Amino acid sequence: MSTTTGVEELVIAWLGELSGNDWPVYGDKPQQVPKQFILVDRTGGPREAMVLDRAEILIEVYDKDSRLGASNRASAIADAIVGLEAFNHDITHADVNSLVNLDDTIGQYHRYQIYCDVYHRR
């Protein structure tokens, strides 16, 4: 059947392969914050009959120096999100609900947020 790896960990692993070393991917904001990075968090979504996790996933793209850099990386991720289905056979659906420009004014980062639905067979 399926592995015990959670949907967030699968998205982090996929994004790590997609983005390479220039855009490190985290589940929690690191103490030593790099110039550009990506955060992944689950924001909601139901679990159905112990067989399907319909997760709502938030992917945040941060760039300290370039709004265009954050925008381009977020757009590339949004365009590629369906690739999650090929990355792991337990992911049965992946799509983007919204792509939002919402700067982090406290940390003074350019930030784009990608809201996704990712269905994971458990």
PDB file of N, CA and C in Angstrom:
ATOM      1  N   MET A   1       0.858  -1.183   0.000  1.00  0.00           N
ATOM      2  CA  MET A   1       0.000   0.000   0.000  1.00  0.00           C
ATOM      3  C   MET A   1       0.891   1.229   0.000  1.00  0.00           C
ATOM      4  N   SER A   2       0.573   2.239   0.802  1.00  0.00           N
ATOM      5  CA  SER A   2       1.335   3.478   0.767  1.00  0.00           C
ATOM      6  C   SER A   2       2.374   3.525   1.881  1.00  0.00           C
ATOM      7  N   THR A   3       3.291   4.467   1.741  1.00  0.00           N
ATOM      8  CA  THR A   3       4.305   4.659   2.769  1.00  0.00           C
ATOM      9  C   THR A   3       3.726   5.518   3.880  1.00  0.00           C
ATOM     10  N   THR A   4       4.470   5.672   4.969  1.00  0.00           N
ATOM     11  CA  THR A   4       4.008   6.492   6.076  1.00  0.00           C
ATOM     12  C   THR A   4       4.478   7.939   5.949  1.00  0.00           C
ATOM     13  N   THR A   5       5.162   8.271   4.892  1.00  0.00           N
ATOM     14  CA  THR A   5       5.623   9.628   4.685  1.00  0.00           C
ATOM     15  C   THR A   5       4.433  10.547   4.479  1.00  0.00           C
ATOM     16  N   GLY A   6       4.414  11.655   5.197  1.00  0.00           N
ATOM     17  CA  GLY A   6       3.323  12.608   5.084  1.00  0.00           C
ATOM     18  C   GLY A   6       3.410  13.414   3.803  1.00  0.00           C
ATOM     19  N   VAL A   7       2.280  14.000   3.454  1.00  0.00           N
ATOM     20  CA  VAL A   7       2.196  14.752   2.210  1.00  0.00           C
ATOM     21  C   VAL A   7       3.152  15.944   2.224  1.00  0.00           C
ATOM     22  N   GLU A   8       3.314  16.598   3.364  1.00  0.00           N
ATOM     23  CA  GLU A   8       4.241  17.741   3.422  1.00  0.00           C
ATOM     24  C   GLU A   8       5.670  17.311   3.103  1.00  0.00           C
ATOM     25  N   GLU A   9       6.091  16.185   3.654  1.00  0.00           N
ATOM     26  CA  GLU A   9       7.449  15.702   3.394  1.00  0.00           C
ATOM     27  C   GLU A   9       7.647  15.356   1.924  1.00  0.00           C
ATOM     28  N   LEU A  10       6.605  14.806   1.300  1.00  0.00           N
ATOM     29  CA  LEU A  10       6.695  14.500  -0.127  1.00  0.00           C
ATOM     30  C   LEU A  10       6.827  15.773  -0.966  1.00  0.00           C
ATOM     31  N   VAL A  11       6.053  16.800  -0.627  1.00  0.00           N
ATOM     32  CA  VAL A  11       6.134  18.066  -1.354  1.00  0.00           C
ATOM     33  C   VAL A  11       7.513  18.695  -1.160  1.00  0.00           C
ATOM     34  N   ILE A  12       8.039  18.652   0.060  1.00  0.00           N
ATOM     35  CA  ILE A  12       9.379  19.194   0.334  1.00  0.00           C
ATOM     36  C   ILE A  12      10.433  18.461  -0.486  1.00  0.00           C
ATOM     37  N   ALA A  13      10.357  17.135  -0.521  1.00  0.00           N
ATOM     38  CA  ALA A  13      11.329  16.348  -1.301  1.00  0.00           C
ATOM     39  C   ALA A  13      11.232  16.677  -2.787  1.00  0.00           C
ATOM     40  N   TRP A  14      10.014  16.758  -3.313  1.00  0.00           N
ATOM     41  CA  TRP A  14       9.818  17.083  -4.728  1.00  0.00           C
ATOM     42  C   TRP A  14      10.364  18.465  -5.051  1.00  0.00           C
ATOM     43  N   LEU A  15      10.031  19.445  -4.213  1.00  0.00           N
ATOM     44  CA  LEU A  15      10.527  20.802  -4.440  1.00  0.00           C
ATOM     45  C   LEU A  15      12.042  20.876  -4.338  1.00  0.00           C
ATOM     46  N   GLY A  16      12.633  20.095  -3.446  1.00  0.00           N
ATOM     47  CA  GLY A  16      14.092  20.054  -3.330  1.00  0.00           C
ATOM     48  C   GLY A  16      14.742  19.601  -4.621  1.00  0.00           C
ATOM     49  N   GLU A  17      14.168  18.585  -5.243  1.00  0.00           N
ATOM     50  CA  GLU A  17      14.683  18.112  -6.534  1.00  0.00           C
ATOM     51  C   GLU A  17      14.433  19.121  -7.642  1.00  0.00           C
ATOM     52  N   LEU A  18      13.273  19.755  -7.616  1.00  0.00           N
ATOM     53  CA  LEU A  18      12.895  20.717  -8.650  1.00  0.00           C
ATOM     54  C   LEU A  18      13.725  21.995  -8.569  1.00  0.00           C
ATOM     55  N   SER A  19      13.990  22.463  -7.363  1.00  0.00           N
ATOM     56  CA  SER A  19      14.590  23.778  -7.171  1.00  0.00           C
ATOM     57  C   SER A  19      16.106  23.771  -7.024  1.00  0.00           C
ATOM     58  N   GLY A  20      16.690  22.642  -6.660  1.00  0.00           N
ATOM     59  CA  GLY A  20      18.139  22.581  -6.531  1.00  0.00           C
ATOM     60  C   GLY A  20      18.659  23.354  -5.333  1.00  0.00           C
ATOM     61  N   ASN A  21      19.978  23.546  -5.302  1.00  0.00           N
ATOM     62  CA  ASN A  21      20.630  24.157  -4.150  1.00  0.00           C
ATOM     63  C   ASN A  21      20.397  25.658  -4.035  1.00  0.00           C
ATOM     64  N   ASP A  22      20.039  26.330  -5.122  1.00  0.00           N
ATOM     65  CA  ASP A  22      19.837  27.774  -5.080  1.00  0.00           C
ATOM     66  C   ASP A  22      18.591  28.167  -4.287  1.00  0.00           C
ATOM     67  N   TRP A  23      17.647  27.269  -4.164  1.00  0.00           N
ATOM     68  CA  TRP A  23      16.392  27.529  -3.453  1.00  0.00           C
ATOM     69  C   TRP A  23      16.158  26.408  -2.439  1.00  0.00           C
ATOM     70  N   PRO A  24      16.785  26.474  -1.256  1.00  0.00           N
ATOM     71  CA  PRO A  24      16.555  25.431  -0.253  1.00  0.00           C
ATOM     72  C   PRO A  24      15.088  25.416   0.191  1.00  0.00           C
ATOM     73  N   VAL A  25      14.596  24.215   0.520  1.00  0.00           N
ATOM     74  CA  VAL A  25      13.191  24.020   0.867  1.00  0.00           C
ATOM     75  C   VAL A  25      13.111  23.521   2.312  1.00  0.00           C
ATOM     76  N   TYR A  26      12.202  24.127   3.081  1.00  0.00           N
ATOM     77  CA  TYR A  26      12.067  23.802   4.497  1.00  0.00           C
ATOM     78  C   TYR A  26      10.602  23.593   4.865  1.00  0.00           C
ATOM     79  N   GLY A  27      10.388  22.840   5.945  1.00  0.00           N
ATOM     80  CA  GLY A  27       9.076  22.728   6.553  1.00  0.00           C
ATOM     81  C   GLY A  27       8.891  23.767   7.643  1.00  0.00           C
ATOM     82  N   ASP A  28       9.986  24.194   8.244  1.00  0.00           N
ATOM     83  CA  ASP A  28       9.991  25.252   9.257  1.00  0.00           C
ATOM     84  C   ASP A  28      11.039  26.284   8.860  1.00  0.00           C
ATOM     85  N   LYS A  29      10.761  27.535   9.150  1.00  0.00           N
ATOM     86  CA  LYS A  29      11.708  28.598   8.818  1.00  0.00           C
ATOM     87  C   LYS A  29      13.007  28.378   9.596  1.00  0.00           C
ATOM     88  N   PRO A  30      14.140  28.343   8.903  1.00  0.00           N
ATOM     89  CA  PRO A  30      15.412  28.086   9.586  1.00  0.00           C
ATOM     90  C   PRO A  30      15.849  29.296  10.419  1.00  0.00           C
ATOM     91  N   GLN A  31      16.678  29.050  11.434  1.00  0.00           N
ATOM     92  CA  GLN A  31      17.188  30.153  12.248  1.00  0.00           C
ATOM     93  C   GLN A  31      18.120  31.047  11.437  1.00  0.00           C
ATOM     94  N   GLN A  32      18.957  30.437  10.612  1.00  0.00           N
ATOM     95  CA  GLN A  32      19.825  31.187   9.707  1.00  0.00           C
ATOM     96  C   GLN A  32      19.107  31.278   8.366  1.00  0.00           C
ATOM     97  N   VAL A  33      18.413  32.376   8.148  1.00  0.00           N
ATOM     98  CA  VAL A  33      17.560  32.503   6.974  1.00  0.00           C
ATOM     99  C   VAL A  33      18.398  32.894   5.757  1.00  0.00           C
ATOM    100  N   PRO A  34      18.350  32.081   4.683  1.00  0.00           N
ATOM    101  CA  PRO A  34      19.102  32.412   3.471  1.00  0.00           C
ATOM    102  C   PRO A  34      18.459  33.561   2.689  1.00  0.00           C
ATOM    103  N   LYS A  35      19.156  34.038   1.683  1.00  0.00           N
ATOM    104  CA  LYS A  35      18.679  35.132   0.839  1.00  0.00           C
ATOM    105  C   LYS A  35      17.403  34.747   0.091  1.00  0.00           C
ATOM    106  N   GLN A  36      17.326  33.512  -0.322  1.00  0.00           N
ATOM    107  CA  GLN A  36      16.124  33.015  -1.001  1.00  0.00           C
ATOM    108  C   GLN A  36      15.865  31.593  -0.542  1.00  0.00           C
ATOM    109  N   PHE A  37      14.588  31.277  -0.336  1.00  0.00           N
ATOM    110  CA  PHE A  37      14.228  29.951   0.159  1.00  0.00           C
ATOM    111  C   PHE A  37      12.746  29.714  -0.059  1.00  0.00           C
ATOM    112  N   ILE A  38      12.331  28.453   0.206  1.00  0.00           N
ATOM    113  CA  ILE A  38      10.940  28.034   0.040  1.00  0.00           C
ATOM    114  C   ILE A  38      10.483  27.351   1.327  1.00  0.00           C
ATOM    115  N   LEU A  39       9.270  27.685   1.767  1.00  0.00           N
ATOM    116  CA  LEU A  39       8.650  27.029   2.916  1.00  0.00           C
ATOM    117  C   LEU A  39       7.417  26.256   2.466  1.00  0.00           C
ATOM    118  N   VAL A  40       7.173  25.117   3.098  1.00  0.00           N
ATOM    119  CA  VAL A  40       5.995  24.292   2.811  1.00  0.00           C
ATOM    120  C   VAL A  40       5.238  24.063   4.111  1.00  0.00           C
ATOM    121  N   ASP A  41       3.919  24.256   4.059  1.00  0.00           N
ATOM    122  CA  ASP A  41       3.094  24.045   5.244  1.00  0.00           C
ATOM    123  C   ASP A  41       1.724  23.528   4.816  1.00  0.00           C
ATOM    124  N   ARG A  42       1.152  22.716   5.657  1.00  0.00           N
ATOM    125  CA  ARG A  42      -0.222  22.269   5.436  1.00  0.00           C
ATOM    126  C   ARG A  42      -1.149  23.285   6.095  1.00  0.00           C
ATOM    127  N   THR A  43      -2.133  23.766   5.346  1.00  0.00           N
ATOM    128  CA  THR A  43      -3.063  24.754   5.888  1.00  0.00           C
ATOM    129  C   THR A  43      -4.441  24.173   6.149  1.00  0.00           C
ATOM    130  N   GLY A  44      -4.685  22.939   5.742  1.00  0.00           N
ATOM    131  CA  GLY A  44      -5.982  22.315   5.992  1.00  0.00           C
ATOM    132  C   GLY A  44      -6.216  21.139   5.081  1.00  0.00           C
ATOM    133  N   GLY A  45      -7.492  20.769   4.974  1.00  0.00           N
ATOM    134  CA  GLY A  45      -7.889  19.665   4.107  1.00  0.00           C
ATOM    135  C   GLY A  45      -8.336  18.453   4.887  1.00  0.00           C
ATOM    136  N   PRO A  46      -9.374  17.764   4.377  1.00  0.00           N
ATOM    137  CA  PRO A  46      -9.927  16.607   5.073  1.00  0.00           C
ATOM    138  C   PRO A  46      -9.136  15.319   4.846  1.00  0.00           C
ATOM    139  N   ARG A  47      -9.360  14.379   5.735  1.00  0.00           N
ATOM    140  CA  ARG A  47      -8.856  13.014   5.581  1.00  0.00           C
ATOM    141  C   ARG A  47     -10.080  12.134   5.457  1.00  0.00           C
ATOM    142  N   GLU A  48     -10.100  11.299   4.436  1.00  0.00           N
ATOM    143  CA  GLU A  48     -11.290  10.510   4.141  1.00  0.00           C
ATOM    144  C   GLU A  48     -11.082   9.032   4.432  1.00  0.00           C
ATOM    145  N   ALA A  49     -11.875   8.525   5.342  1.00  0.00           N
ATOM    146  CA  ALA A  49     -11.975   7.086   5.613  1.00  0.00           C
ATOM    147  C   ALA A  49     -10.626   6.381   5.730  1.00  0.00           C
ATOM    148  N   MET A  50      -9.653   7.051   6.275  1.00  0.00           N
ATOM    149  CA  MET A  50      -8.315   6.493   6.506  1.00  0.00           C
ATOM    150  C   MET A  50      -7.631   6.015   5.238  1.00  0.00           C
ATOM    151  N   VAL A  51      -8.084   6.471   4.066  1.00  0.00           N
ATOM    152  CA  VAL A  51      -7.427   6.057   2.831  1.00  0.00           C
ATOM    153  C   VAL A  51      -6.939   7.216   1.969  1.00  0.00           C
ATOM    154  N   LEU A  52      -7.513   8.421   2.160  1.00  0.00           N
ATOM    155  CA  LEU A  52      -7.130   9.544   1.313  1.00  0.00           C
ATOM    156  C   LEU A  52      -6.975  10.803   2.152  1.00  0.00           C
ATOM    157  N   ASP A  53      -5.859  11.471   1.960  1.00  0.00           N
ATOM    158  CA  ASP A  53      -5.587  12.748   2.607  1.00  0.00           C
ATOM    159  C   ASP A  53      -5.689  13.816   1.534  1.00  0.00           C
ATOM    160  N   ARG A  54      -6.699  14.677   1.618  1.00  0.00           N
ATOM    161  CA  ARG A  54      -6.883  15.750   0.635  1.00  0.00           C
ATOM    162  C   ARG A  54      -6.323  17.034   1.228  1.00  0.00           C
ATOM    163  N   ALA A  55      -5.011  17.147   1.204  1.00  0.00           N
ATOM    164  CA  ALA A  55      -4.323  18.239   1.881  1.00  0.00           C
ATOM    165  C   ALA A  55      -4.379  19.541   1.096  1.00  0.00           C
ATOM    166  N   GLU A  56      -4.536  20.626   1.829  1.00  0.00           N
ATOM    167  CA  GLU A  56      -4.334  21.957   1.290  1.00  0.00           C
ATOM    168  C   GLU A  56      -2.925  22.373   1.698  1.00  0.00           C
ATOM    169  N   ILE A  57      -2.074  22.590   0.723  1.00  0.00           N
ATOM    170  CA  ILE A  57      -0.660  22.869   0.957  1.00  0.00           C
ATOM    171  C   ILE A  57      -0.345  24.300   0.534  1.00  0.00           C
ATOM    172  N   LEU A  58       0.394  24.996   1.383  1.00  0.00           N
ATOM    173  CA  LEU A  58       0.876  26.338   1.080  1.00  0.00           C
ATOM    174  C   LEU A  58       2.371  26.261   0.815  1.00  0.00           C
ATOM    175  N   ILE A  59       2.783  26.735  -0.356  1.00  0.00           N
ATOM    176  CA  ILE A  59       4.195  26.832  -0.716  1.00  0.00           C
ATOM    177  C   ILE A  59       4.520  28.316  -0.778  1.00  0.00           C
ATOM    178  N   GLU A  60       5.474  28.760   0.044  1.00  0.00           N
ATOM    179  CA  GLU A  60       5.861  30.166   0.071  1.00  0.00           C
ATOM    180  C   GLU A  60       7.275  30.328  -0.487  1.00  0.00           C
ATOM    181  N   VAL A  61       7.420  31.245  -1.428  1.00  0.00           N
ATOM    182  CA  VAL A  61       8.704  31.506  -2.080  1.00  0.00           C
ATOM    183  C   VAL A  61       9.195  32.871  -1.609  1.00  0.00           C
ATOM    184  N   TYR A  62      10.375  32.898  -0.978  1.00  0.00           N
ATOM    185  CA  TYR A  62      10.947  34.124  -0.424  1.00  0.00           C
ATOM    186  C   TYR A  62      12.221  34.512  -1.175  1.00  0.00           C
ATOM    187  N   ASP A  63      12.362  35.798  -1.458  1.00  0.00           N
ATOM    188  CA  ASP A  63      13.610  36.315  -2.032  1.00  0.00           C
ATOM    189  C   ASP A  63      13.870  37.690  -1.420  1.00  0.00           C
ATOM    190  N   LYS A  64      15.009  37.840  -0.775  1.00  0.00           N
ATOM    191  CA  LYS A  64      15.346  39.075  -0.073  1.00  0.00           C
ATOM    192  C   LYS A  64      15.537  40.248  -1.025  1.00  0.00           C
ATOM    193  N   ASP A  65      16.085  39.984  -2.212  1.00  0.00           N
ATOM    194  CA  ASP A  65      16.518  41.057  -3.103  1.00  0.00           C
ATOM    195  C   ASP A  65      15.657  41.276  -4.336  1.00  0.00           C
ATOM    196  N   SER A  66      14.872  40.302  -4.742  1.00  0.00           N
ATOM    197  CA  SER A  66      14.230  40.406  -6.052  1.00  0.00           C
ATOM    198  C   SER A  66      12.784  39.923  -6.049  1.00  0.00           C
ATOM    199  N   ARG A  67      11.876  40.835  -6.298  1.00  0.00           N
ATOM    200  CA  ARG A  67      10.477  40.449  -6.479  1.00  0.00           C
ATOM    201  C   ARG A  67      10.344  39.565  -7.720  1.00  0.00           C
ATOM    202  N   LEU A  68      11.069  39.932  -8.784  1.00  0.00           N
ATOM    203  CA  LEU A  68      11.025  39.150 -10.019  1.00  0.00           C
ATOM    204  C   LEU A  68      11.539  37.731  -9.789  1.00  0.00           C
ATOM    205  N   GLY A  69      12.601  37.593  -9.000  1.00  0.00           N
ATOM    206  CA  GLY A  69      13.127  36.260  -8.696  1.00  0.00           C
ATOM    207  C   GLY A  69      12.113  35.398  -7.969  1.00  0.00           C
ATOM    208  N   ALA A  70      11.439  35.986  -6.968  1.00  0.00           N
ATOM    209  CA  ALA A  70      10.404  35.253  -6.235  1.00  0.00           C
ATOM    210  C   ALA A  70       9.238  34.911  -7.152  1.00  0.00           C
ATOM    211  N   SER A  71       8.844  35.872  -7.980  1.00  0.00           N
ATOM    212  CA  SER A  71       7.733  35.650  -8.906  1.00  0.00           C
ATOM    213  C   SER A  71       8.050  34.549  -9.907  1.00  0.00           C
ATOM    214  N   ASN A  72       9.240  34.584 -10.480  1.00  0.00           N
ATOM    215  CA  ASN A  72       9.627  33.572 -11.469  1.00  0.00           C
ATOM    216  C   ASN A  72       9.684  32.181 -10.858  1.00  0.00           C
ATOM    217  N   ARG A  73      10.242  32.071  -9.647  1.00  0.00           N
ATOM    218  CA  ARG A  73      10.334  30.760  -8.993  1.00  0.00           C
ATOM    219  C   ARG A  73       8.927  30.255  -8.653  1.00  0.00           C
ATOM    220  N   ALA A  74       8.070  31.121  -8.135  1.00  0.00           N
ATOM    221  CA  ALA A  74       6.700  30.715  -7.794  1.00  0.00           C
ATOM    222  C   ALA A  74       5.935  30.276  -9.039  1.00  0.00           C
ATOM    223  N   SER A  75       6.102  31.006 -10.125  1.00  0.00           N
ATOM    224  CA  SER A  75       5.424  30.636 -11.377  1.00  0.00           C
ATOM    225  C   SER A  75       5.914  29.290 -11.890  1.00  0.00           C
ATOM    226  N   ALA A  76       7.215  29.041 -11.789  1.00  0.00           N
ATOM    227  CA  ALA A  76       7.772  27.761 -12.231  1.00  0.00           C
ATOM    228  C   ALA A  76       7.214  26.609 -11.394  1.00  0.00           C
ATOM    229  N   ILE A  77       7.095  26.816 -10.097  1.00  0.00           N
ATOM    230  CA  ILE A  77       6.530  25.783  -9.221  1.00  0.00           C
ATOM    231  C   ILE A  77       5.055  25.549  -9.564  1.00  0.00           C
ATOM    232  N   ALA A  78       4.308  26.630  -9.725  1.00  0.00           N
ATOM    233  CA  ALA A  78       2.886  26.502 -10.053  1.00  0.00           C
ATOM    234  C   ALA A  78       2.693  25.754 -11.372  1.00  0.00           C
ATOM    235  N   ASP A  79       3.529  26.069 -12.358  1.00  0.00           N
ATOM    236  CA  ASP A  79       3.421  25.389 -13.659  1.00  0.00           C
ATOM    237  C   ASP A  79       3.768  23.904 -13.566  1.00  0.00           C
ATOM    238  N   ALA A  80       4.626  23.546 -12.607  1.00  0.00           N
ATOM    239  CA  ALA A  80       5.121  22.167 -12.512  1.00  0.00           C
ATOM    240  C   ALA A  80       4.389  21.326 -11.477  1.00  0.00           C
ATOM    241  N   ILE A  81       3.440  21.893 -10.747  1.00  0.00           N
ATOM    242  CA  ILE A  81       2.844  21.204  -9.600  1.00  0.00           C
ATOM    243  C   ILE A  81       2.246  19.842  -9.959  1.00  0.00           C
ATOM    244  N   VAL A  82       1.718  19.695 -11.151  1.00  0.00           N
ATOM    245  CA  VAL A  82       1.155  18.404 -11.551  1.00  0.00           C
ATOM    246  C   VAL A  82       2.233  17.310 -11.552  1.00  0.00           C
ATOM    247  N   GLY A  83       3.507  17.690 -11.614  1.00  0.00           N
ATOM    248  CA  GLY A  83       4.617  16.741 -11.554  1.00  0.00           C
ATOM    249  C   GLY A  83       4.691  15.982 -10.251  1.00  0.00           C
ATOM    250  N   LEU A  84       4.027  16.466  -9.219  1.00  0.00           N
ATOM    251  CA  LEU A  84       3.959  15.713  -7.962  1.00  0.00           C
ATOM    252  C   LEU A  84       3.345  14.337  -8.167  1.00  0.00           C
ATOM    253  N   GLU A  85       2.399  14.243  -9.093  1.00  0.00           N
ATOM    254  CA  GLU A  85       1.723  12.963  -9.343  1.00  0.00           C
ATOM    255  C   GLU A  85       2.691  11.920  -9.891  1.00  0.00           C
ATOM    256  N   ALA A  86       3.657  12.342 -10.682  1.00  0.00           N
ATOM    257  CA  ALA A  86       4.656  11.416 -11.210  1.00  0.00           C
ATOM    258  C   ALA A  86       5.778  11.160 -10.204  1.00  0.00           C
ATOM    259  N   PHE A  87       6.007  12.099  -9.298  1.00  0.00           N
ATOM    260  CA  PHE A  87       7.074  11.981  -8.307  1.00  0.00           C
ATOM    261  C   PHE A  87       6.824  10.845  -7.328  1.00  0.00           C
ATOM    262  N   ASN A  88       5.558  10.676  -6.933  1.00  0.00           N
ATOM    263  CA  ASN A  88       5.214   9.634  -5.972  1.00  0.00           C
ATOM    264  C   ASN A  88       3.863   9.038  -6.354  1.00  0.00           C
ATOM    265  N   HIS A  89       3.822   7.719  -6.506  1.00  0.00           N
ATOM    266  CA  HIS A  89       2.588   7.079  -6.969  1.00  0.00           C
ATOM    267  C   HIS A  89       1.429   7.204  -5.986  1.00  0.00           C
ATOM    268  N   ASP A  90       1.689   7.577  -4.730  1.00  0.00           N
ATOM    269  CA  ASP A  90       0.620   7.752  -3.757  1.00  0.00           C
ATOM    270  C   ASP A  90      -0.025   9.135  -3.837  1.00  0.00           C
ATOM    271  N   ILE A  91       0.545  10.038  -4.614  1.00  0.00           N
ATOM    272  CA  ILE A  91      -0.093  11.325  -4.853  1.00  0.00           C
ATOM    273  C   ILE A  91      -0.985  11.157  -6.081  1.00  0.00           C
ATOM    274  N   THR A  92      -2.281  11.299  -5.868  1.00  0.00           N
ATOM    275  CA  THR A  92      -3.247  11.017  -6.931  1.00  0.00           C
ATOM    276  C   THR A  92      -3.747  12.272  -7.634  1.00  0.00           C
ATOM    277  N   HIS A  93      -3.475  13.444  -7.059  1.00  0.00           N
ATOM    278  CA  HIS A  93      -3.945  14.690  -7.655  1.00  0.00           C
ATOM    279  C   HIS A  93      -3.126  15.844  -7.082  1.00  0.00           C
ATOM    280  N   ALA A  94      -2.749  16.796  -7.932  1.00  0.00           N
ATOM    281  CA  ALA A  94      -2.068  18.012  -7.476  1.00  0.00           C
ATOM    282  C   ALA A  94      -2.433  19.146  -8.418  1.00  0.00           C
ATOM    283  N   ASP A  95      -2.946  20.235  -7.842  1.00  0.00           N
ATOM    284  CA  ASP A  95      -3.223  21.411  -8.656  1.00  0.00           C
ATOM    285  C   ASP A  95      -3.096  22.677  -7.812  1.00  0.00           C
ATOM    286  N   VAL A  96      -3.066  23.810  -8.492  1.00  0.00           N
ATOM    287  CA  VAL A  96      -2.898  25.107  -7.852  1.00  0.00           C
ATOM    288  C   VAL A  96      -4.259  25.799  -7.764  1.00  0.00           C
ATOM    289  N   ASN A  97      -4.588  26.280  -6.578  1.00  0.00           N
ATOM    290  CA  ASN A  97      -5.800  27.070  -6.377  1.00  0.00           C
ATOM    291  C   ASN A  97      -5.547  28.547  -6.604  1.00  0.00           C
ATOM    292  N   SER A  98      -4.372  29.007  -6.161  1.00  0.00           N
ATOM    293  CA  SER A  98      -4.120  30.442  -6.201  1.00  0.00           C
ATOM    294  C   SER A  98      -2.620  30.713  -6.110  1.00  0.00           C
ATOM    295  N   LEU A  99      -2.210  31.791  -6.763  1.00  0.00           N
ATOM    296  CA  LEU A  99      -0.834  32.290  -6.685  1.00  0.00           C
ATOM    297  C   LEU A  99      -0.941  33.751  -6.263  1.00  0.00           C
ATOM    298  N   VAL A 100      -0.371  34.085  -5.098  1.00  0.00           N
ATOM    299  CA  VAL A 100      -0.580  35.388  -4.483  1.00  0.00           C
ATOM    300  C   VAL A 100       0.759  36.070  -4.203  1.00  0.00           C
ATOM    301  N   ASN A 101       0.837  37.355  -4.513  1.00  0.00           N
ATOM    302  CA  ASN A 101       1.975  38.179  -4.126  1.00  0.00           C
ATOM    303  C   ASN A 101       1.640  38.793  -2.773  1.00  0.00           C
ATOM    304  N   LEU A 102       2.366  38.396  -1.728  1.00  0.00           N
ATOM    305  CA  LEU A 102       2.127  38.907  -0.380  1.00  0.00           C
ATOM    306  C   LEU A 102       3.476  39.045   0.319  1.00  0.00           C
ATOM    307  N   ASP A 103       4.083  40.215   0.178  1.00  0.00           N
ATOM    308  CA  ASP A 103       5.409  40.428   0.749  1.00  0.00           C
ATOM    309  C   ASP A 103       5.418  40.233   2.259  1.00  0.00           C
ATOM    310  N   ASP A 104       6.545  39.741   2.773  1.00  0.00           N
ATOM    311  CA  ASP A 104       6.782  39.590   4.200  1.00  0.00           C
ATOM    312  C   ASP A 104       7.380  40.911   4.685  1.00  0.00           C
ATOM    313  N   THR A 105       6.535  41.799   5.184  1.00  0.00           N
ATOM    314  CA  THR A 105       7.005  43.132   5.569  1.00  0.00           C
ATOM    315  C   THR A 105       7.822  43.117   6.855  1.00  0.00           C
ATOM    316  N   ILE A 106       7.590  42.145   7.722  1.00  0.00           N
ATOM    317  CA  ILE A 106       8.369  42.059   8.957  1.00  0.00           C
ATOM    318  C   ILE A 106       9.793  41.599   8.646  1.00  0.00           C
ATOM    319  N   GLY A 107       9.919  40.517   7.878  1.00  0.00           N
ATOM    320  CA  GLY A 107      11.237  40.013   7.508  1.00  0.00           C
ATOM    321  C   GLY A 107      11.859  40.749   6.333  1.00  0.00           C
ATOM    322  N   GLN A 108      11.088  41.594   5.689  1.00  0.00           N
ATOM    323  CA  GLN A 108      11.504  42.369   4.527  1.00  0.00           C
ATOM    324  C   GLN A 108      11.992  41.472   3.387  1.00  0.00           C
ATOM    325  N   TYR A 109      11.122  40.523   3.039  1.00  0.00           N
ATOM    326  CA  TYR A 109      11.346  39.626   1.912  1.00  0.00           C
ATOM    327  C   TYR A 109      10.226  39.829   0.896  1.00  0.00           C
ATOM    328  N   HIS A 110      10.558  39.682  -0.369  1.00  0.00           N
ATOM    329  CA  HIS A 110       9.538  39.527  -1.389  1.00  0.00           C
ATOM    330  C   HIS A 110       9.027  38.100  -1.226  1.00  0.00           C
ATOM    331  N   ARG A 111       7.701  37.931  -1.272  1.00  0.00           N
ATOM    332  CA  ARG A 111       7.140  36.600  -1.036  1.00  0.00           C
ATOM    333  C   ARG A 111       5.960  36.368  -1.968  1.00  0.00           C
ATOM    334  N   TYR A 112       5.950  35.170  -2.552  1.00  0.00           N
ATOM    335  CA  TYR A 112       4.800  34.698  -3.315  1.00  0.00           C
ATOM    336  C   TYR A 112       4.303  33.428  -2.650  1.00  0.00           C
ATOM    337  N   GLN A 113       2.983  33.296  -2.569  1.00  0.00           N
ATOM    338  CA  GLN A 113       2.367  32.137  -1.960  1.00  0.00           C
ATOM    339  C   GLN A 113       1.588  31.359  -3.010  1.00  0.00           C
ATOM    340  N   ILE A 114       1.790  30.044  -2.996  1.00  0.00           N
ATOM    341  CA  ILE A 114       1.102  29.143  -3.914  1.00  0.00           C
ATOM    342  C   ILE A 114       0.231  28.217  -3.068  1.00  0.00           C
ATOM    343  N   TYR A 115      -1.078  28.313  -3.248  1.00  0.00           N
ATOM    344  CA  TYR A 115      -2.023  27.464  -2.528  1.00  0.00           C
ATOM    345  C   TYR A 115      -2.384  26.285  -3.426  1.00  0.00           C
ATOM    346  N   CYS A 116      -2.183  25.077  -2.911  1.00  0.00           N
ATOM    347  CA  CYS A 116      -2.353  23.860  -3.711  1.00  0.00           C
ATOM    348  C   CYS A 116      -3.257  22.854  -3.022  1.00  0.00           C
ATOM    349  N   ASP A 117      -3.918  22.032  -3.822  1.00  0.00           N
ATOM    350  CA  ASP A 117      -4.592  20.837  -3.336  1.00  0.00           C
ATOM    351  C   ASP A 117      -3.729  19.646  -3.742  1.00  0.00           C
ATOM    352  N   VAL A 118      -3.370  18.838  -2.766  1.00  0.00           N
ATOM    353  CA  VAL A 118      -2.557  17.653  -3.036  1.00  0.00           C
ATOM    354  C   VAL A 118      -3.237  16.471  -2.358  1.00  0.00           C
ATOM    355  N   TYR A 119      -3.671  15.509  -3.168  1.00  0.00           N
ATOM    356  CA  TYR A 119      -4.343  14.320  -2.644  1.00  0.00           C
ATOM    357  C   TYR A 119      -3.318  13.196  -2.519  1.00  0.00           C
ATOM    358  N   HIS A 120      -3.284  12.603  -1.332  1.00  0.00           N
ATOM    359  CA  HIS A 120      -2.285  11.583  -1.010  1.00  0.00           C
ATOM    360  C   HIS A 120      -2.985  10.320  -0.499  1.00  0.00           C
ATOM    361  N   ARG A 121      -2.774   9.225  -1.220  1.00  0.00           N
ATOM    362  CA  ARG A 121      -3.331   7.937  -0.807  1.00  0.00           C
ATOM    363  C   ARG A 121      -2.524   7.442   0.394  1.00  0.00           C
ATOM    364  N   ARG A 122      -3.249   7.107   1.480  1.00  0.00           N
ATOM    365  CA  ARG A 122      -2.565   6.678   2.705  1.00  0.00           C
ATOM    366  C   ARG A 122      -2.626   5.171   2.867  1.00  0.00           C
TER     367      ARG A 122
END
